[in-house]
Amino acid sequence: MSRYELAQLNVGVIRGPMDSPVMAEFAANLERINALAEASPGFVWRLKTDAGDATDIRAFDDPNLLLNMSVWRDLESLRRYVYNSAHVEIMRRRRAWFERMSEAYLVLWWVPRGHRPSIEEATQRLERLRREGPVPQAFTFREAYPPPDAPQVQAPFDLRDECPST
């Protein structure tokens, strides 16, 4: 078992205040989707206020920029929740509630088991991904990296590398 867990941050610009008609259906599903995450295999932790979600947290200059942050046992656990649960139905409709973003809005990174990332740490990871593209310290589902304590994969042995040409 790895000594690391997977942290994720995703951000989005909402199309209106959380209590507006345009956000009503999203708001109505938030508790259900958060409960689904918490009940999912591999879920560890999520950022939330006393209200039970993170929609009241304003970590950016833009008051319409929401954040969601969580920690998972591993990449596969998070992937199953995001793409193979009722969460996917919300993702399919995200354009109804969130503006299209031209830069990265999701970042993944490994944290020592038991560590709960701060908002500052998470936003620094997102900024790094935006600056450098995927690297082991800030990556995406599409270009993911293993935890730091994962066994190193050896390149296949090629006999041509060891045999002199004749």
N, C-alpha and C. Protein backbone atom coordinates (compact mmCIF):
# COMPACT_ATOMS: atom_id res chain seq x y z
N MET A 1 0.85 -1.19 0.00
CA MET A 1 0.00 0.00 0.00
C MET A 1 0.89 1.25 0.00
N SER A 2 0.50 2.21 -0.80
CA SER A 2 1.26 3.45 -0.93
C SER A 2 1.19 4.28 0.35
N ARG A 3 2.22 5.04 0.57
CA ARG A 3 2.24 6.00 1.67
C ARG A 3 1.63 7.34 1.22
N TYR A 4 1.08 7.36 0.00
CA TYR A 4 0.52 8.59 -0.56
C TYR A 4 -0.95 8.41 -0.92
N GLU A 5 -1.66 9.54 -0.90
CA GLU A 5 -3.05 9.59 -1.35
C GLU A 5 -3.13 10.65 -2.45
N LEU A 6 -4.20 10.60 -3.21
CA LEU A 6 -4.36 11.51 -4.34
C LEU A 6 -5.26 12.69 -3.96
N ALA A 7 -4.72 13.89 -4.11
CA ALA A 7 -5.51 15.11 -3.89
C ALA A 7 -5.99 15.61 -5.24
N GLN A 8 -7.15 16.25 -5.24
CA GLN A 8 -7.68 16.86 -6.46
C GLN A 8 -8.31 18.18 -6.12
N LEU A 9 -8.14 19.12 -7.04
CA LEU A 9 -8.83 20.41 -6.99
C LEU A 9 -9.46 20.63 -8.34
N ASN A 10 -10.72 21.03 -8.34
CA ASN A 10 -11.32 21.50 -9.59
C ASN A 10 -12.04 22.79 -9.30
N VAL A 11 -12.02 23.67 -10.28
CA VAL A 11 -12.64 24.98 -10.14
C VAL A 11 -13.58 25.21 -11.31
N GLY A 12 -14.51 26.10 -11.12
CA GLY A 12 -15.44 26.44 -12.18
C GLY A 12 -16.09 27.79 -11.93
N VAL A 13 -16.36 28.50 -13.01
CA VAL A 13 -17.04 29.79 -12.92
C VAL A 13 -18.53 29.54 -13.11
N ILE A 14 -19.30 29.80 -12.06
CA ILE A 14 -20.74 29.56 -12.12
C ILE A 14 -21.42 30.67 -12.94
N ARG A 15 -22.54 30.31 -13.55
CA ARG A 15 -23.27 31.23 -14.44
C ARG A 15 -24.12 32.24 -13.68
N GLY A 16 -24.22 32.06 -12.37
CA GLY A 16 -25.00 32.99 -11.55
C GLY A 16 -24.80 32.64 -10.09
N PRO A 17 -25.33 33.43 -9.18
CA PRO A 17 -25.23 33.11 -7.75
C PRO A 17 -25.84 31.75 -7.46
N MET A 18 -25.35 31.09 -6.43
CA MET A 18 -25.83 29.74 -6.10
C MET A 18 -27.33 29.70 -5.83
N ASP A 19 -27.90 30.81 -5.38
CA ASP A 19 -29.34 30.81 -5.10
C ASP A 19 -30.17 31.36 -6.27
N SER A 20 -29.54 31.50 -7.44
CA SER A 20 -30.26 32.00 -8.62
C SER A 20 -30.95 30.86 -9.35
N PRO A 21 -31.94 31.18 -10.17
CA PRO A 21 -32.64 30.14 -10.94
C PRO A 21 -31.72 29.32 -11.84
N VAL A 22 -30.70 29.94 -12.43
CA VAL A 22 -29.81 29.21 -13.33
C VAL A 22 -29.01 28.12 -12.59
N MET A 23 -28.79 28.30 -11.30
CA MET A 23 -28.01 27.33 -10.51
C MET A 23 -28.89 26.40 -9.68
N ALA A 24 -30.20 26.55 -9.75
CA ALA A 24 -31.12 25.82 -8.88
C ALA A 24 -30.95 24.30 -8.98
N GLU A 25 -30.91 23.78 -10.20
CA GLU A 25 -30.81 22.33 -10.34
C GLU A 25 -29.45 21.81 -9.85
N PHE A 26 -28.39 22.54 -10.13
CA PHE A 26 -27.08 22.15 -9.62
C PHE A 26 -27.10 22.14 -8.10
N ALA A 27 -27.61 23.22 -7.49
CA ALA A 27 -27.67 23.31 -6.03
C ALA A 27 -28.51 22.18 -5.44
N ALA A 28 -29.59 21.83 -6.12
CA ALA A 28 -30.48 20.77 -5.63
C ALA A 28 -29.80 19.40 -5.64
N ASN A 29 -28.82 19.21 -6.51
CA ASN A 29 -28.13 17.92 -6.61
C ASN A 29 -26.84 17.85 -5.80
N LEU A 30 -26.39 18.97 -5.28
CA LEU A 30 -25.10 19.02 -4.62
C LEU A 30 -24.98 18.08 -3.42
N GLU A 31 -25.95 18.09 -2.55
CA GLU A 31 -25.91 17.22 -1.36
C GLU A 31 -25.86 15.74 -1.77
N ARG A 32 -26.66 15.35 -2.75
CA ARG A 32 -26.69 13.96 -3.22
C ARG A 32 -25.34 13.55 -3.80
N ILE A 33 -24.74 14.40 -4.62
CA ILE A 33 -23.48 14.06 -5.27
C ILE A 33 -22.35 14.05 -4.25
N ASN A 34 -22.36 14.97 -3.28
CA ASN A 34 -21.35 14.94 -2.23
C ASN A 34 -21.47 13.69 -1.37
N ALA A 35 -22.69 13.28 -1.07
CA ALA A 35 -22.90 12.05 -0.30
C ALA A 35 -22.42 10.83 -1.09
N LEU A 36 -22.65 10.84 -2.39
CA LEU A 36 -22.16 9.76 -3.24
C LEU A 36 -20.64 9.68 -3.19
N ALA A 37 -19.98 10.82 -3.25
CA ALA A 37 -18.51 10.84 -3.16
C ALA A 37 -18.06 10.24 -1.84
N GLU A 38 -18.65 10.71 -0.76
CA GLU A 38 -18.24 10.24 0.57
C GLU A 38 -18.49 8.75 0.78
N ALA A 39 -19.46 8.19 0.08
CA ALA A 39 -19.76 6.76 0.20
C ALA A 39 -18.98 5.91 -0.81
N SER A 40 -18.23 6.55 -1.69
CA SER A 40 -17.51 5.82 -2.74
C SER A 40 -16.26 5.15 -2.19
N PRO A 41 -15.97 3.93 -2.67
CA PRO A 41 -14.73 3.26 -2.26
C PRO A 41 -13.52 4.13 -2.61
N GLY A 42 -12.63 4.28 -1.65
CA GLY A 42 -11.42 5.05 -1.87
C GLY A 42 -11.51 6.50 -1.47
N PHE A 43 -12.74 7.00 -1.16
CA PHE A 43 -12.87 8.39 -0.71
C PHE A 43 -12.19 8.54 0.65
N VAL A 44 -11.49 9.65 0.84
CA VAL A 44 -10.80 9.92 2.10
C VAL A 44 -11.35 11.18 2.77
N TRP A 45 -11.43 12.30 2.03
CA TRP A 45 -11.76 13.59 2.63
C TRP A 45 -12.18 14.56 1.54
N ARG A 46 -13.01 15.54 1.92
CA ARG A 46 -13.31 16.64 1.01
C ARG A 46 -13.42 17.93 1.81
N LEU A 47 -13.07 19.01 1.15
CA LEU A 47 -13.16 20.34 1.75
C LEU A 47 -14.63 20.73 1.83
N LYS A 48 -15.05 21.18 3.00
CA LYS A 48 -16.43 21.63 3.16
C LYS A 48 -16.53 22.57 4.35
N THR A 49 -17.54 23.40 4.32
CA THR A 49 -17.83 24.29 5.44
C THR A 49 -18.84 23.58 6.35
N ASP A 50 -19.28 24.28 7.38
CA ASP A 50 -20.31 23.72 8.26
C ASP A 50 -21.61 23.46 7.52
N ALA A 51 -21.79 24.13 6.38
CA ALA A 51 -23.00 23.93 5.57
C ALA A 51 -22.95 22.61 4.80
N GLY A 52 -21.77 21.96 4.77
CA GLY A 52 -21.68 20.65 4.13
C GLY A 52 -21.10 20.63 2.74
N ASP A 53 -20.76 21.80 2.19
CA ASP A 53 -20.13 21.83 0.87
C ASP A 53 -19.13 22.98 0.84
N ALA A 54 -18.55 23.24 -0.31
CA ALA A 54 -17.53 24.29 -0.43
C ALA A 54 -18.02 25.49 -1.22
N THR A 55 -19.33 25.58 -1.48
CA THR A 55 -19.82 26.67 -2.34
C THR A 55 -19.72 28.03 -1.68
N ASP A 56 -19.57 28.10 -0.37
CA ASP A 56 -19.43 29.40 0.31
C ASP A 56 -17.98 29.85 0.39
N ILE A 57 -17.04 29.00 0.01
CA ILE A 57 -15.62 29.35 0.09
C ILE A 57 -15.25 30.18 -1.14
N ARG A 58 -14.72 31.34 -0.89
CA ARG A 58 -14.27 32.22 -1.98
C ARG A 58 -12.76 32.40 -1.84
N ALA A 59 -12.01 31.65 -2.62
CA ALA A 59 -10.55 31.67 -2.54
C ALA A 59 -9.92 32.48 -3.66
N PHE A 60 -10.73 33.06 -4.52
CA PHE A 60 -10.23 33.76 -5.70
C PHE A 60 -10.84 35.15 -5.78
N ASP A 61 -10.26 36.00 -6.61
CA ASP A 61 -10.78 37.35 -6.79
C ASP A 61 -12.17 37.32 -7.41
N ASP A 62 -12.42 36.36 -8.29
CA ASP A 62 -13.71 36.24 -8.95
C ASP A 62 -14.70 35.56 -8.00
N PRO A 63 -15.75 36.27 -7.56
CA PRO A 63 -16.70 35.67 -6.62
C PRO A 63 -17.52 34.53 -7.22
N ASN A 64 -17.50 34.39 -8.55
CA ASN A 64 -18.23 33.30 -9.21
C ASN A 64 -17.37 32.06 -9.43
N LEU A 65 -16.12 32.09 -8.99
CA LEU A 65 -15.23 30.94 -9.17
C LEU A 65 -15.34 30.04 -7.94
N LEU A 66 -15.99 28.88 -8.14
CA LEU A 66 -16.14 27.90 -7.07
C LEU A 66 -15.00 26.91 -7.12
N LEU A 67 -14.76 26.27 -5.98
CA LEU A 67 -13.74 25.22 -5.93
C LEU A 67 -14.31 23.98 -5.26
N ASN A 68 -13.70 22.87 -5.60
CA ASN A 68 -14.02 21.58 -5.00
C ASN A 68 -12.69 20.89 -4.79
N MET A 69 -12.43 20.42 -3.58
CA MET A 69 -11.17 19.76 -3.30
C MET A 69 -11.44 18.51 -2.47
N SER A 70 -10.74 17.44 -2.83
CA SER A 70 -10.90 16.19 -2.09
C SER A 70 -9.63 15.38 -2.15
N VAL A 71 -9.59 14.34 -1.32
CA VAL A 71 -8.46 13.41 -1.26
C VAL A 71 -9.03 12.00 -1.40
N TRP A 72 -8.33 11.18 -2.19
CA TRP A 72 -8.75 9.82 -2.49
C TRP A 72 -7.61 8.86 -2.25
N ARG A 73 -7.93 7.60 -2.01
CA ARG A 73 -6.92 6.58 -1.76
C ARG A 73 -5.96 6.45 -2.95
N ASP A 74 -6.52 6.52 -4.16
CA ASP A 74 -5.68 6.35 -5.35
C ASP A 74 -6.40 6.90 -6.57
N LEU A 75 -5.70 6.93 -7.67
CA LEU A 75 -6.25 7.48 -8.91
C LEU A 75 -7.46 6.68 -9.38
N GLU A 76 -7.40 5.39 -9.29
CA GLU A 76 -8.50 4.56 -9.79
C GLU A 76 -9.79 4.81 -9.01
N SER A 77 -9.70 5.01 -7.70
CA SER A 77 -10.89 5.30 -6.89
C SER A 77 -11.55 6.60 -7.35
N LEU A 78 -10.75 7.63 -7.54
CA LEU A 78 -11.30 8.90 -8.01
C LEU A 78 -11.87 8.75 -9.42
N ARG A 79 -11.17 8.06 -10.28
CA ARG A 79 -11.63 7.87 -11.66
C ARG A 79 -12.99 7.16 -11.68
N ARG A 80 -13.15 6.11 -10.86
CA ARG A 80 -14.43 5.39 -10.81
C ARG A 80 -15.56 6.31 -10.37
N TYR A 81 -15.30 7.12 -9.35
CA TYR A 81 -16.34 8.05 -8.88
C TYR A 81 -16.69 9.07 -9.97
N VAL A 82 -15.70 9.67 -10.57
CA VAL A 82 -15.94 10.73 -11.55
C VAL A 82 -16.64 10.21 -12.80
N TYR A 83 -16.18 9.08 -13.33
CA TYR A 83 -16.64 8.62 -14.64
C TYR A 83 -17.59 7.42 -14.63
N ASN A 84 -17.72 6.73 -13.49
CA ASN A 84 -18.55 5.52 -13.45
C ASN A 84 -19.58 5.55 -12.33
N SER A 85 -20.07 6.72 -11.99
CA SER A 85 -21.11 6.83 -10.96
C SER A 85 -22.12 7.88 -11.43
N ALA A 86 -23.09 8.15 -10.59
CA ALA A 86 -24.09 9.17 -10.93
C ALA A 86 -23.46 10.56 -11.09
N HIS A 87 -22.23 10.71 -10.64
CA HIS A 87 -21.52 11.98 -10.82
C HIS A 87 -21.41 12.35 -12.30
N VAL A 88 -21.30 11.35 -13.16
CA VAL A 88 -21.13 11.61 -14.59
C VAL A 88 -22.34 12.34 -15.19
N GLU A 89 -23.53 12.09 -14.66
CA GLU A 89 -24.71 12.79 -15.17
C GLU A 89 -24.62 14.29 -14.89
N ILE A 90 -24.05 14.67 -13.78
CA ILE A 90 -23.84 16.08 -13.46
C ILE A 90 -22.75 16.66 -14.37
N MET A 91 -21.68 15.91 -14.57
CA MET A 91 -20.61 16.38 -15.45
C MET A 91 -21.12 16.64 -16.87
N ARG A 92 -21.99 15.80 -17.35
CA ARG A 92 -22.53 15.96 -18.71
C ARG A 92 -23.31 17.27 -18.86
N ARG A 93 -23.86 17.75 -17.77
CA ARG A 93 -24.69 18.96 -17.82
C ARG A 93 -23.97 20.19 -17.30
N ARG A 94 -22.67 20.10 -17.06
CA ARG A 94 -21.94 21.19 -16.43
C ARG A 94 -22.02 22.52 -17.19
N ARG A 95 -22.16 22.49 -18.51
CA ARG A 95 -22.23 23.73 -19.29
C ARG A 95 -23.50 24.53 -18.97
N ALA A 96 -24.52 23.88 -18.42
CA ALA A 96 -25.72 24.60 -18.01
C ALA A 96 -25.46 25.48 -16.80
N TRP A 97 -24.47 25.11 -16.00
CA TRP A 97 -24.21 25.82 -14.74
C TRP A 97 -22.86 26.53 -14.70
N PHE A 98 -21.91 26.07 -15.52
CA PHE A 98 -20.55 26.60 -15.46
C PHE A 98 -20.11 27.14 -16.82
N GLU A 99 -19.39 28.25 -16.78
CA GLU A 99 -18.81 28.83 -17.98
C GLU A 99 -17.69 27.91 -18.49
N ARG A 100 -17.46 27.94 -19.79
CA ARG A 100 -16.34 27.20 -20.37
C ARG A 100 -15.06 27.92 -19.97
N MET A 101 -14.08 27.16 -19.52
CA MET A 101 -12.80 27.74 -19.10
C MET A 101 -11.75 27.46 -20.17
N SER A 102 -10.92 28.44 -20.44
CA SER A 102 -9.90 28.30 -21.48
C SER A 102 -8.60 27.70 -20.93
N GLU A 103 -8.48 27.61 -19.62
CA GLU A 103 -7.26 27.04 -19.02
C GLU A 103 -7.65 25.89 -18.11
N ALA A 104 -6.64 25.17 -17.65
CA ALA A 104 -6.89 23.99 -16.80
C ALA A 104 -7.76 24.35 -15.61
N TYR A 105 -8.71 23.48 -15.31
CA TYR A 105 -9.60 23.70 -14.17
C TYR A 105 -9.56 22.53 -13.19
N LEU A 106 -8.79 21.50 -13.50
CA LEU A 106 -8.64 20.34 -12.61
C LEU A 106 -7.17 20.01 -12.50
N VAL A 107 -6.74 19.74 -11.27
CA VAL A 107 -5.36 19.32 -11.03
C VAL A 107 -5.36 18.19 -10.00
N LEU A 108 -4.48 17.24 -10.23
CA LEU A 108 -4.27 16.11 -9.32
C LEU A 108 -2.83 16.14 -8.83
N TRP A 109 -2.61 15.69 -7.61
CA TRP A 109 -1.25 15.57 -7.08
C TRP A 109 -1.27 14.62 -5.88
N TRP A 110 -0.11 14.05 -5.60
CA TRP A 110 0.03 13.10 -4.50
C TRP A 110 0.40 13.83 -3.22
N VAL A 111 -0.23 13.42 -2.12
CA VAL A 111 0.08 13.97 -0.80
C VAL A 111 0.39 12.80 0.14
N PRO A 112 1.23 13.04 1.16
CA PRO A 112 1.47 11.97 2.13
C PRO A 112 0.15 11.56 2.79
N ARG A 113 -0.01 10.26 3.01
CA ARG A 113 -1.24 9.77 3.63
C ARG A 113 -1.50 10.55 4.93
N GLY A 114 -2.72 11.01 5.09
CA GLY A 114 -3.12 11.78 6.27
C GLY A 114 -3.04 13.29 6.09
N HIS A 115 -2.34 13.75 5.06
CA HIS A 115 -2.22 15.20 4.82
C HIS A 115 -3.49 15.71 4.16
N ARG A 116 -3.97 16.84 4.63
CA ARG A 116 -5.13 17.49 4.03
C ARG A 116 -4.65 18.81 3.45
N PRO A 117 -4.67 18.94 2.14
CA PRO A 117 -4.11 20.13 1.50
C PRO A 117 -4.90 21.39 1.83
N SER A 118 -4.17 22.48 1.90
CA SER A 118 -4.80 23.79 2.08
C SER A 118 -5.25 24.30 0.71
N ILE A 119 -6.10 25.30 0.75
CA ILE A 119 -6.53 25.93 -0.50
C ILE A 119 -5.33 26.55 -1.20
N GLU A 120 -4.44 27.17 -0.43
CA GLU A 120 -3.25 27.78 -1.02
C GLU A 120 -2.39 26.74 -1.73
N GLU A 121 -2.17 25.60 -1.09
CA GLU A 121 -1.40 24.52 -1.71
C GLU A 121 -2.07 24.07 -3.01
N ALA A 122 -3.37 23.89 -2.97
CA ALA A 122 -4.10 23.41 -4.14
C ALA A 122 -4.05 24.40 -5.29
N THR A 123 -4.23 25.68 -4.99
CA THR A 123 -4.20 26.68 -6.06
C THR A 123 -2.79 26.81 -6.64
N GLN A 124 -1.77 26.60 -5.82
CA GLN A 124 -0.41 26.61 -6.35
C GLN A 124 -0.19 25.45 -7.32
N ARG A 125 -0.77 24.30 -7.01
CA ARG A 125 -0.66 23.15 -7.92
C ARG A 125 -1.37 23.43 -9.24
N LEU A 126 -2.54 24.04 -9.16
CA LEU A 126 -3.27 24.38 -10.38
C LEU A 126 -2.47 25.37 -11.22
N GLU A 127 -1.91 26.37 -10.59
CA GLU A 127 -1.11 27.35 -11.32
C GLU A 127 0.12 26.69 -11.95
N ARG A 128 0.72 25.75 -11.26
CA ARG A 128 1.88 25.04 -11.83
C ARG A 128 1.46 24.25 -13.07
N LEU A 129 0.33 23.55 -12.97
CA LEU A 129 -0.16 22.81 -14.13
C LEU A 129 -0.41 23.76 -15.30
N ARG A 130 -1.01 24.89 -15.03
CA ARG A 130 -1.27 25.86 -16.09
C ARG A 130 0.02 26.39 -16.72
N ARG A 131 1.05 26.59 -15.91
CA ARG A 131 2.33 27.11 -16.40
C ARG A 131 3.14 26.07 -17.16
N GLU A 132 3.25 24.86 -16.58
CA GLU A 132 4.20 23.86 -17.07
C GLU A 132 3.57 22.68 -17.79
N GLY A 133 2.27 22.54 -17.70
CA GLY A 133 1.64 21.32 -18.20
C GLY A 133 1.82 20.22 -17.17
N PRO A 134 1.35 19.01 -17.47
CA PRO A 134 1.41 17.93 -16.50
C PRO A 134 2.85 17.56 -16.11
N VAL A 135 3.09 17.53 -14.82
CA VAL A 135 4.36 17.10 -14.22
C VAL A 135 3.99 16.25 -13.01
N PRO A 136 4.93 15.50 -12.44
CA PRO A 136 4.57 14.65 -11.31
C PRO A 136 3.95 15.39 -10.12
N GLN A 137 4.22 16.68 -9.99
CA GLN A 137 3.69 17.46 -8.86
C GLN A 137 2.33 18.10 -9.16
N ALA A 138 1.88 18.05 -10.40
CA ALA A 138 0.60 18.66 -10.79
C ALA A 138 0.20 18.07 -12.14
N PHE A 139 -0.79 17.18 -12.14
CA PHE A 139 -1.12 16.45 -13.37
C PHE A 139 -2.61 16.32 -13.56
N THR A 140 -3.00 15.57 -14.59
CA THR A 140 -4.41 15.42 -14.96
C THR A 140 -4.75 13.93 -15.09
N PHE A 141 -6.03 13.63 -15.28
CA PHE A 141 -6.42 12.25 -15.55
C PHE A 141 -5.76 11.76 -16.83
N ARG A 142 -5.73 12.62 -17.84
CA ARG A 142 -5.21 12.23 -19.14
C ARG A 142 -3.72 11.92 -19.09
N GLU A 143 -2.98 12.68 -18.31
CA GLU A 143 -1.55 12.46 -18.17
C GLU A 143 -1.21 12.36 -16.69
N ALA A 144 -1.49 11.19 -16.12
CA ALA A 144 -1.33 10.96 -14.69
C ALA A 144 0.04 10.38 -14.38
N TYR A 145 0.47 10.59 -13.15
CA TYR A 145 1.75 10.08 -12.66
C TYR A 145 1.49 9.19 -11.46
N PRO A 146 2.32 8.17 -11.26
CA PRO A 146 2.14 7.30 -10.11
C PRO A 146 2.60 7.99 -8.82
N PRO A 147 2.21 7.45 -7.67
CA PRO A 147 2.67 8.03 -6.41
C PRO A 147 4.20 7.94 -6.31
N PRO A 148 4.81 8.84 -5.55
CA PRO A 148 6.28 8.85 -5.46
C PRO A 148 6.90 7.54 -4.98
N ASP A 149 6.17 6.73 -4.23
CA ASP A 149 6.74 5.48 -3.74
C ASP A 149 6.37 4.27 -4.60
N ALA A 150 5.81 4.51 -5.78
CA ALA A 150 5.48 3.41 -6.69
C ALA A 150 6.77 2.80 -7.23
N PRO A 151 6.77 1.48 -7.48
CA PRO A 151 7.96 0.86 -8.07
C PRO A 151 8.30 1.51 -9.40
N GLN A 152 9.57 1.71 -9.63
CA GLN A 152 10.01 2.30 -10.89
C GLN A 152 9.87 1.26 -11.99
N VAL A 153 9.34 1.67 -13.12
CA VAL A 153 9.17 0.78 -14.26
C VAL A 153 10.46 0.79 -15.06
N GLN A 154 11.01 -0.38 -15.28
CA GLN A 154 12.23 -0.51 -16.07
C GLN A 154 11.88 -0.52 -17.55
N ALA A 155 12.70 0.11 -18.34
CA ALA A 155 12.52 0.04 -19.79
C ALA A 155 12.83 -1.37 -20.24
N PRO A 156 12.15 -1.86 -21.27
CA PRO A 156 12.43 -3.22 -21.75
C PRO A 156 13.89 -3.34 -22.19
N PHE A 157 14.46 -4.49 -21.94
CA PHE A 157 15.85 -4.75 -22.34
C PHE A 157 15.88 -4.98 -23.85
N ASP A 158 16.77 -4.31 -24.50
CA ASP A 158 16.92 -4.43 -25.95
C ASP A 158 18.30 -5.01 -26.23
N LEU A 159 18.34 -6.20 -26.81
CA LEU A 159 19.61 -6.87 -27.06
C LEU A 159 20.55 -6.03 -27.93
N ARG A 160 20.00 -5.21 -28.77
CA ARG A 160 20.85 -4.39 -29.64
C ARG A 160 21.69 -3.41 -28.82
N ASP A 161 21.22 -3.05 -27.62
CA ASP A 161 21.98 -2.12 -26.78
C ASP A 161 23.25 -2.76 -26.23
N GLU A 162 23.25 -4.09 -26.11
CA GLU A 162 24.37 -4.78 -25.48
C GLU A 162 25.27 -5.52 -26.46
N CYS A 163 24.80 -5.76 -27.63
CA CYS A 163 25.57 -6.56 -28.59
C CYS A 163 26.28 -5.65 -29.58
N PRO A 164 27.56 -5.88 -29.77
CA PRO A 164 28.26 -5.07 -30.78
C PRO A 164 27.75 -5.45 -32.16
N SER A 165 27.72 -4.46 -33.03
CA SER A 165 27.25 -4.74 -34.39
C SER A 165 28.36 -5.48 -35.14
N THR A 166 27.97 -6.33 -36.03
CA THR A 166 28.96 -7.11 -36.78
C THR A 166 28.99 -6.70 -38.22
